[in-house]
Amino acid sequence: MQYWISEHGSEPVGPFGMEALREHLRTGKFSRRAMACPVGGSSWIPIGQVLDEAPTSATAPAPPTPPELPPLPKSPAGPDPARLLRSDMGTGTVILLSIITLSIFGLVWFYGVLSSYRSLSGSRSETLTLFWCYVGLLIISVLLYAAWPLSLLPDLAGVVVGFVLLSAVLSDRAILERELEGGIGLHSAATHLALWIAASLLILTLVGMIVGLPLAIVQAIFFISDHQRLVQAAKQNRREWVAPGS
């Protein structure tokens, strides 16, 4: 069977057979979120679903191309504009504003980044839920600060949730990096996670805070600079991923 393909509501191209679809997906010409409609059919479904449901045996010859195409689906027509990649600020600006606002700006910035990674990668990760759990634990920790050592409980829970959250965000980022054909020069997930866990545990102690805070800043700089590189690569290969003006 062959399929027409439409990426983000664009004019359909094709038709393509299953092997061609797999190859185009591998090379990054199409994403798993691109919509596919079988020749002679009327419904559009994501390419990823087509390939997941396709039999492993060879498919039958394609029927003749129909004279007219079915209408494109109204949703999803493309990524939510609010969930596109942005690089409005430099690394130093993000770090400075985060310090001035006691990390509030950094959390807002990070939420925007993880939302764009999740949306563009087509991931079903629980990053949004984990983010709000992490914020809730931070608030509880602040409220219990004067009641130390009771505050250690939300602090430790925050370290665990933050680690899982960062792992999920980096997994979504890795999907985007693969679709951009890699070679961007991003810091590895292991580097980010090692810095995160070391900084978080050290910050829990007064003595270790002297070392923990610089480690946290280093990890943040790595993450923000990686994001900037990802956006630059997307501008070259996947311009539709990048918000206007970024």
C-alpha atoms as a PDB file:
ATOM      1  CA  MET A   1       0.000   0.000   0.000  1.00  0.00           C
ATOM      2  CA  GLN A   2       1.152   3.556  -0.700  1.00  0.00           C
ATOM      3  CA  TYR A   3       0.441   6.748   1.205  1.00  0.00           C
ATOM      4  CA  TRP A   4       0.139  10.473   0.628  1.00  0.00           C
ATOM      5  CA  ILE A   5       2.140  12.469   3.200  1.00  0.00           C
ATOM      6  CA  SER A   6       1.443  15.917   4.666  1.00  0.00           C
ATOM      7  CA  GLU A   7       3.827  17.559   7.160  1.00  0.00           C
ATOM      8  CA  HIS A   8       2.158  20.203   9.393  1.00  0.00           C
ATOM      9  CA  GLY A   9      -0.759  20.734   7.016  1.00  0.00           C
ATOM     10  CA  SER A  10       1.420  21.288   3.931  1.00  0.00           C
ATOM     11  CA  GLU A  11       0.479  20.225   0.387  1.00  0.00           C
ATOM     12  CA  PRO A  12       0.453  16.401   0.261  1.00  0.00           C
ATOM     13  CA  VAL A  13       3.385  14.691  -1.472  1.00  0.00           C
ATOM     14  CA  GLY A  14       3.810  11.145  -2.702  1.00  0.00           C
ATOM     15  CA  PRO A  15       2.517   8.590  -2.836  1.00  0.00           C
ATOM     16  CA  PHE A  16       5.192   6.525  -1.026  1.00  0.00           C
ATOM     17  CA  GLY A  17       5.450   2.831  -0.255  1.00  0.00           C
ATOM     18  CA  MET A  18       6.262   1.460   3.189  1.00  0.00           C
ATOM     19  CA  GLU A  19       9.984   1.090   2.510  1.00  0.00           C
ATOM     20  CA  ALA A  20      10.197   4.659   1.225  1.00  0.00           C
ATOM     21  CA  LEU A  21       8.369   5.909   4.325  1.00  0.00           C
ATOM     22  CA  ARG A  22      10.792   4.093   6.607  1.00  0.00           C
ATOM     23  CA  GLU A  23      13.762   5.532   4.721  1.00  0.00           C
ATOM     24  CA  HIS A  24      12.396   9.106   4.759  1.00  0.00           C
ATOM     25  CA  LEU A  25      11.677   8.772   8.470  1.00  0.00           C
ATOM     26  CA  ARG A  26      15.204   7.486   9.077  1.00  0.00           C
ATOM     27  CA  THR A  27      16.810  10.360   7.153  1.00  0.00           C
ATOM     28  CA  GLY A  28      14.605  12.974   8.813  1.00  0.00           C
ATOM     29  CA  LYS A  29      12.682  14.062   5.701  1.00  0.00           C
ATOM     30  CA  PHE A  30       9.454  13.269   7.580  1.00  0.00           C
ATOM     31  CA  SER A  31       8.777  13.110  11.318  1.00  0.00           C
ATOM     32  CA  ARG A  32       6.641  10.500  13.029  1.00  0.00           C
ATOM     33  CA  ARG A  33       4.008  13.209  13.530  1.00  0.00           C
ATOM     34  CA  ALA A  34       3.588  13.801   9.776  1.00  0.00           C
ATOM     35  CA  MET A  35       0.141  12.715   8.580  1.00  0.00           C
ATOM     36  CA  ALA A  36      -0.356   9.843   6.110  1.00  0.00           C
ATOM     37  CA  CYS A  37      -3.386   8.887   4.014  1.00  0.00           C
ATOM     38  CA  PRO A  38      -3.537   5.625   2.022  1.00  0.00           C
ATOM     39  CA  VAL A  39      -4.027   6.031  -1.718  1.00  0.00           C
ATOM     40  CA  GLY A  40      -7.742   5.739  -2.330  1.00  0.00           C
ATOM     41  CA  GLY A  41      -8.501   6.325   1.367  1.00  0.00           C
ATOM     42  CA  SER A  42     -10.052   9.260   3.187  1.00  0.00           C
ATOM     43  CA  SER A  43      -8.540   9.288   6.697  1.00  0.00           C
ATOM     44  CA  TRP A  44      -5.207  10.737   7.859  1.00  0.00           C
ATOM     45  CA  ILE A  45      -3.129   9.176  10.630  1.00  0.00           C
ATOM     46  CA  PRO A  46       0.451   9.809  11.871  1.00  0.00           C
ATOM     47  CA  ILE A  47       3.248   8.069   9.966  1.00  0.00           C
ATOM     48  CA  GLY A  48       4.456   6.544  13.224  1.00  0.00           C
ATOM     49  CA  GLN A  49       1.121   4.768  13.652  1.00  0.00           C
ATOM     50  CA  VAL A  50       1.192   3.542  10.047  1.00  0.00           C
ATOM     51  CA  LEU A  51       4.659   2.037  10.467  1.00  0.00           C
ATOM     52  CA  ASP A  52       3.862   0.563  13.894  1.00  0.00           C
ATOM     53  CA  GLU A  53       0.800  -1.218  12.511  1.00  0.00           C
ATOM     54  CA  ALA A  54       2.382  -2.286   9.204  1.00  0.00           C
ATOM     55  CA  PRO A  55       3.053  -6.033   8.714  1.00  0.00           C
ATOM     56  CA  THR A  56       6.653  -7.130   8.358  1.00  0.00           C
ATOM     57  CA  SER A  57       5.975  -8.945   5.083  1.00  0.00           C
ATOM     58  CA  ALA A  58       6.102  -7.201   1.738  1.00  0.00           C
ATOM     59  CA  THR A  59       3.036  -5.158   0.887  1.00  0.00           C
ATOM     60  CA  ALA A  60       0.856  -5.614  -2.190  1.00  0.00           C
ATOM     61  CA  PRO A  61       1.327  -3.403  -5.280  1.00  0.00           C
ATOM     62  CA  ALA A  62      -0.214   0.033  -4.932  1.00  0.00           C
ATOM     63  CA  PRO A  63      -3.592   0.732  -6.556  1.00  0.00           C
ATOM     64  CA  PRO A  64      -3.820   3.440  -9.236  1.00  0.00           C
ATOM     65  CA  THR A  65      -3.473   7.004  -8.013  1.00  0.00           C
ATOM     66  CA  PRO A  66      -6.939   8.546  -7.468  1.00  0.00           C
ATOM     67  CA  PRO A  67      -7.802  11.749  -9.336  1.00  0.00           C
ATOM     68  CA  GLU A  68      -8.546  13.657  -6.130  1.00  0.00           C
ATOM     69  CA  LEU A  69      -7.050  13.725  -2.655  1.00  0.00           C
ATOM     70  CA  PRO A  70      -9.138  13.550   0.509  1.00  0.00           C
ATOM     71  CA  PRO A  71      -9.228  16.756   2.586  1.00  0.00           C
ATOM     72  CA  LEU A  72      -6.410  17.220   5.060  1.00  0.00           C
ATOM     73  CA  PRO A  73      -7.291  16.832   8.737  1.00  0.00           C
ATOM     74  CA  LYS A  74      -7.919  20.057  10.577  1.00  0.00           C
ATOM     75  CA  SER A  75      -6.053  18.806  13.624  1.00  0.00           C
ATOM     76  CA  PRO A  76      -3.209  18.367  14.140  1.00  0.00           C
ATOM     77  CA  ALA A  77      -2.335  20.884  11.395  1.00  0.00           C
ATOM     78  CA  GLY A  78       1.059  21.627  12.910  1.00  0.00           C
ATOM     79  CA  PRO A  79       2.829  22.323  16.172  1.00  0.00           C
ATOM     80  CA  ASP A  80       1.266  24.719  18.628  1.00  0.00           C
ATOM     81  CA  PRO A  81       3.052  28.064  18.004  1.00  0.00           C
ATOM     82  CA  ALA A  82       3.518  28.373  21.756  1.00  0.00           C
ATOM     83  CA  ARG A  83       5.430  25.072  21.757  1.00  0.00           C
ATOM     84  CA  LEU A  84       8.028  25.935  19.105  1.00  0.00           C
ATOM     85  CA  LEU A  85      11.744  26.197  19.836  1.00  0.00           C
ATOM     86  CA  ARG A  86      12.895  29.628  20.990  1.00  0.00           C
ATOM     87  CA  SER A  87      16.279  31.215  21.564  1.00  0.00           C
ATOM     88  CA  ASP A  88      15.294  34.761  22.463  1.00  0.00           C
ATOM     89  CA  MET A  89      17.911  35.132  25.203  1.00  0.00           C
ATOM     90  CA  GLY A  90      21.554  34.295  25.600  1.00  0.00           C
ATOM     91  CA  THR A  91      22.874  31.888  28.203  1.00  0.00           C
ATOM     92  CA  GLY A  92      24.189  34.658  30.446  1.00  0.00           C
ATOM     93  CA  THR A  93      20.850  36.503  30.411  1.00  0.00           C
ATOM     94  CA  VAL A  94      18.898  33.406  31.426  1.00  0.00           C
ATOM     95  CA  ILE A  95      21.331  32.632  34.253  1.00  0.00           C
ATOM     96  CA  LEU A  96      21.369  36.243  35.524  1.00  0.00           C
ATOM     97  CA  LEU A  97      17.574  36.581  35.525  1.00  0.00           C
ATOM     98  CA  SER A  98      17.271  33.213  37.271  1.00  0.00           C
ATOM     99  CA  ILE A  99      19.624  34.358  40.048  1.00  0.00           C
ATOM    100  CA  ILE A 100      17.849  37.712  40.444  1.00  0.00           C
ATOM    101  CA  THR A 101      14.405  36.081  40.658  1.00  0.00           C
ATOM    102  CA  LEU A 102      15.576  33.250  42.947  1.00  0.00           C
ATOM    103  CA  SER A 103      15.163  30.638  40.193  1.00  0.00           C
ATOM    104  CA  ILE A 104      11.588  31.648  39.261  1.00  0.00           C
ATOM    105  CA  PHE A 105      12.605  32.880  35.811  1.00  0.00           C
ATOM    106  CA  GLY A 106      14.705  29.762  35.267  1.00  0.00           C
ATOM    107  CA  LEU A 107      11.715  27.533  36.050  1.00  0.00           C
ATOM    108  CA  VAL A 108       9.509  29.459  33.609  1.00  0.00           C
ATOM    109  CA  TRP A 109      12.195  29.237  30.911  1.00  0.00           C
ATOM    110  CA  PHE A 110      12.719  25.521  31.558  1.00  0.00           C
ATOM    111  CA  TYR A 111       8.959  24.873  31.348  1.00  0.00           C
ATOM    112  CA  GLY A 112       8.879  26.463  27.891  1.00  0.00           C
ATOM    113  CA  VAL A 113      11.823  24.366  26.739  1.00  0.00           C
ATOM    114  CA  LEU A 114      10.495  21.041  28.011  1.00  0.00           C
ATOM    115  CA  SER A 115       7.072  21.813  26.505  1.00  0.00           C
ATOM    116  CA  SER A 116       8.604  22.435  23.079  1.00  0.00           C
ATOM    117  CA  TYR A 117      10.743  19.279  23.272  1.00  0.00           C
ATOM    118  CA  ARG A 118       7.739  17.169  24.233  1.00  0.00           C
ATOM    119  CA  SER A 119       5.490  18.664  21.539  1.00  0.00           C
ATOM    120  CA  LEU A 120       7.954  18.490  18.635  1.00  0.00           C
ATOM    121  CA  SER A 121       9.269  15.030  19.473  1.00  0.00           C
ATOM    122  CA  GLY A 122       5.771  13.540  19.640  1.00  0.00           C
ATOM    123  CA  SER A 123       6.721  12.081  22.991  1.00  0.00           C
ATOM    124  CA  ARG A 124       4.184  10.886  25.537  1.00  0.00           C
ATOM    125  CA  SER A 125       6.558  11.511  28.413  1.00  0.00           C
ATOM    126  CA  GLU A 126       5.257  12.786  31.742  1.00  0.00           C
ATOM    127  CA  THR A 127       7.522  15.837  31.774  1.00  0.00           C
ATOM    128  CA  LEU A 128       4.687  18.310  32.399  1.00  0.00           C
ATOM    129  CA  THR A 129       3.364  16.316  35.359  1.00  0.00           C
ATOM    130  CA  LEU A 130       6.864  15.826  36.759  1.00  0.00           C
ATOM    131  CA  PHE A 131       7.582  19.547  36.405  1.00  0.00           C
ATOM    132  CA  TRP A 132       4.583  20.557  38.511  1.00  0.00           C
ATOM    133  CA  CYS A 133       5.415  17.879  41.089  1.00  0.00           C
ATOM    134  CA  TYR A 134       8.917  19.328  41.318  1.00  0.00           C
ATOM    135  CA  VAL A 135       7.586  22.889  41.719  1.00  0.00           C
ATOM    136  CA  GLY A 136       5.187  21.700  44.419  1.00  0.00           C
ATOM    137  CA  LEU A 137       8.026  20.070  46.348  1.00  0.00           C
ATOM    138  CA  LEU A 138      10.070  23.277  46.098  1.00  0.00           C
ATOM    139  CA  ILE A 139       7.189  25.267  47.579  1.00  0.00           C
ATOM    140  CA  ILE A 140       6.726  22.780  50.418  1.00  0.00           C
ATOM    141  CA  SER A 141      10.468  22.854  51.128  1.00  0.00           C
ATOM    142  CA  VAL A 142      10.439  26.649  51.373  1.00  0.00           C
ATOM    143  CA  LEU A 143       7.431  26.606  53.697  1.00  0.00           C
ATOM    144  CA  LEU A 144       9.152  24.061  55.959  1.00  0.00           C
ATOM    145  CA  TYR A 145      12.557  25.753  55.855  1.00  0.00           C
ATOM    146  CA  ALA A 146      12.267  27.039  59.406  1.00  0.00           C
ATOM    147  CA  ALA A 147      11.234  23.575  60.595  1.00  0.00           C
ATOM    148  CA  TRP A 148      14.445  21.825  59.583  1.00  0.00           C
ATOM    149  CA  PRO A 149      15.021  18.827  59.502  1.00  0.00           C
ATOM    150  CA  LEU A 150      11.396  18.328  58.380  1.00  0.00           C
ATOM    151  CA  SER A 151      12.272  20.193  55.184  1.00  0.00           C
ATOM    152  CA  LEU A 152      14.730  17.436  54.306  1.00  0.00           C
ATOM    153  CA  LEU A 153      11.857  15.171  53.261  1.00  0.00           C
ATOM    154  CA  PRO A 154      10.581  17.390  50.421  1.00  0.00           C
ATOM    155  CA  ASP A 155      14.189  18.304  49.624  1.00  0.00           C
ATOM    156  CA  LEU A 156      15.152  14.680  49.031  1.00  0.00           C
ATOM    157  CA  ALA A 157      11.925  13.995  47.160  1.00  0.00           C
ATOM    158  CA  GLY A 158      12.692  17.026  44.996  1.00  0.00           C
ATOM    159  CA  VAL A 159      16.119  15.624  44.136  1.00  0.00           C
ATOM    160  CA  VAL A 160      14.546  12.345  42.982  1.00  0.00           C
ATOM    161  CA  VAL A 161      11.702  13.978  41.027  1.00  0.00           C
ATOM    162  CA  GLY A 162      14.102  16.498  39.499  1.00  0.00           C
ATOM    163  CA  PHE A 163      16.401  13.681  38.374  1.00  0.00           C
ATOM    164  CA  VAL A 164      13.528  11.789  36.728  1.00  0.00           C
ATOM    165  CA  LEU A 165      12.245  15.021  35.150  1.00  0.00           C
ATOM    166  CA  LEU A 166      15.631  15.933  33.699  1.00  0.00           C
ATOM    167  CA  SER A 167      16.057  12.383  32.363  1.00  0.00           C
ATOM    168  CA  ALA A 168      12.709  12.588  30.568  1.00  0.00           C
ATOM    169  CA  VAL A 169      13.465  16.027  29.102  1.00  0.00           C
ATOM    170  CA  LEU A 170      16.842  14.830  27.831  1.00  0.00           C
ATOM    171  CA  SER A 171      15.165  11.791  26.248  1.00  0.00           C
ATOM    172  CA  ASP A 172      12.756  14.069  24.368  1.00  0.00           C
ATOM    173  CA  ARG A 173      15.705  16.229  23.317  1.00  0.00           C
ATOM    174  CA  ALA A 174      17.539  13.160  22.022  1.00  0.00           C
ATOM    175  CA  ILE A 175      14.607  12.408  19.687  1.00  0.00           C
ATOM    176  CA  LEU A 176      14.875  15.889  18.190  1.00  0.00           C
ATOM    177  CA  GLU A 177      18.652  15.551  17.892  1.00  0.00           C
ATOM    178  CA  ARG A 178      18.269  12.292  15.951  1.00  0.00           C
ATOM    179  CA  GLU A 179      15.752  13.880  13.569  1.00  0.00           C
ATOM    180  CA  LEU A 180      18.283  16.664  12.994  1.00  0.00           C
ATOM    181  CA  GLU A 181      20.791  13.923  12.093  1.00  0.00           C
ATOM    182  CA  GLY A 182      22.900  14.469  15.219  1.00  0.00           C
ATOM    183  CA  GLY A 183      26.376  15.935  15.198  1.00  0.00           C
ATOM    184  CA  ILE A 184      25.216  19.052  17.030  1.00  0.00           C
ATOM    185  CA  GLY A 185      27.782  18.692  19.814  1.00  0.00           C
ATOM    186  CA  LEU A 186      25.420  18.595  22.786  1.00  0.00           C
ATOM    187  CA  HIS A 187      26.569  17.545  26.240  1.00  0.00           C
ATOM    188  CA  SER A 188      25.582  13.979  27.014  1.00  0.00           C
ATOM    189  CA  ALA A 189      22.639  13.083  29.215  1.00  0.00           C
ATOM    190  CA  ALA A 190      25.057  11.373  31.602  1.00  0.00           C
ATOM    191  CA  THR A 191      26.969  14.646  32.077  1.00  0.00           C
ATOM    192  CA  HIS A 192      23.805  16.598  32.849  1.00  0.00           C
ATOM    193  CA  LEU A 193      22.454  13.986  35.242  1.00  0.00           C
ATOM    194  CA  ALA A 194      25.765  13.575  37.091  1.00  0.00           C
ATOM    195  CA  LEU A 195      26.061  17.338  37.609  1.00  0.00           C
ATOM    196  CA  TRP A 196      22.425  17.557  38.694  1.00  0.00           C
ATOM    197  CA  ILE A 197      22.590  14.816  41.314  1.00  0.00           C
ATOM    198  CA  ALA A 198      25.940  16.028  42.700  1.00  0.00           C
ATOM    199  CA  ALA A 199      24.822  19.669  42.905  1.00  0.00           C
ATOM    200  CA  SER A 200      21.424  18.812  44.419  1.00  0.00           C
ATOM    201  CA  LEU A 201      22.823  16.600  47.168  1.00  0.00           C
ATOM    202  CA  LEU A 202      25.611  19.057  48.032  1.00  0.00           C
ATOM    203  CA  ILE A 203      23.182  21.984  48.272  1.00  0.00           C
ATOM    204  CA  LEU A 204      21.287  20.116  50.996  1.00  0.00           C
ATOM    205  CA  THR A 205      24.242  20.683  53.341  1.00  0.00           C
ATOM    206  CA  LEU A 206      25.520  24.079  54.413  1.00  0.00           C
ATOM    207  CA  VAL A 207      29.152  23.154  53.767  1.00  0.00           C
ATOM    208  CA  GLY A 208      28.431  21.443  50.465  1.00  0.00           C
ATOM    209  CA  MET A 209      26.397  24.397  49.230  1.00  0.00           C
ATOM    210  CA  ILE A 210      29.662  26.242  48.512  1.00  0.00           C
ATOM    211  CA  VAL A 211      30.456  23.591  45.880  1.00  0.00           C
ATOM    212  CA  GLY A 212      26.883  22.592  45.016  1.00  0.00           C
ATOM    213  CA  LEU A 213      25.720  25.998  43.793  1.00  0.00           C
ATOM    214  CA  PRO A 214      28.575  26.410  41.273  1.00  0.00           C
ATOM    215  CA  LEU A 215      27.915  22.874  40.015  1.00  0.00           C
ATOM    216  CA  ALA A 216      24.230  23.711  39.572  1.00  0.00           C
ATOM    217  CA  ILE A 217      25.146  26.844  37.614  1.00  0.00           C
ATOM    218  CA  VAL A 218      27.554  24.850  35.414  1.00  0.00           C
ATOM    219  CA  GLN A 219      24.828  22.299  34.647  1.00  0.00           C
ATOM    220  CA  ALA A 220      22.394  25.107  33.827  1.00  0.00           C
ATOM    221  CA  ILE A 221      24.932  26.743  31.499  1.00  0.00           C
ATOM    222  CA  PHE A 222      25.479  23.409  29.732  1.00  0.00           C
ATOM    223  CA  PHE A 223      21.731  22.870  29.319  1.00  0.00           C
ATOM    224  CA  ILE A 224      21.013  26.398  28.038  1.00  0.00           C
ATOM    225  CA  SER A 225      23.961  26.372  25.611  1.00  0.00           C
ATOM    226  CA  ASP A 226      22.855  22.941  24.357  1.00  0.00           C
ATOM    227  CA  HIS A 227      19.398  24.364  23.728  1.00  0.00           C
ATOM    228  CA  GLN A 228      20.904  27.242  21.747  1.00  0.00           C
ATOM    229  CA  ARG A 229      22.840  24.769  19.569  1.00  0.00           C
ATOM    230  CA  LEU A 230      19.694  22.706  19.012  1.00  0.00           C
ATOM    231  CA  VAL A 231      17.767  25.780  17.886  1.00  0.00           C
ATOM    232  CA  GLN A 232      20.558  26.757  15.485  1.00  0.00           C
ATOM    233  CA  ALA A 233      20.562  23.257  13.982  1.00  0.00           C
ATOM    234  CA  ALA A 234      16.771  23.355  13.636  1.00  0.00           C
ATOM    235  CA  LYS A 235      17.015  26.661  11.769  1.00  0.00           C
ATOM    236  CA  GLN A 236      19.119  24.877   9.156  1.00  0.00           C
ATOM    237  CA  ASN A 237      17.147  21.623   8.838  1.00  0.00           C
ATOM    238  CA  ARG A 238      13.697  22.051  10.422  1.00  0.00           C
ATOM    239  CA  ARG A 239      12.801  25.753  10.212  1.00  0.00           C
ATOM    240  CA  GLU A 240       9.162  24.943  11.028  1.00  0.00           C
ATOM    241  CA  TRP A 241      10.287  23.913  14.516  1.00  0.00           C
ATOM    242  CA  VAL A 242      11.568  27.389  15.359  1.00  0.00           C
ATOM    243  CA  ALA A 243       9.369  30.236  16.556  1.00  0.00           C
ATOM    244  CA  PRO A 244       9.408  33.376  14.376  1.00  0.00           C
ATOM    245  CA  GLY A 245      12.006  35.884  15.512  1.00  0.00           C
ATOM    246  CA  SER A 246      14.167  33.316  17.312  1.00  0.00           C
END
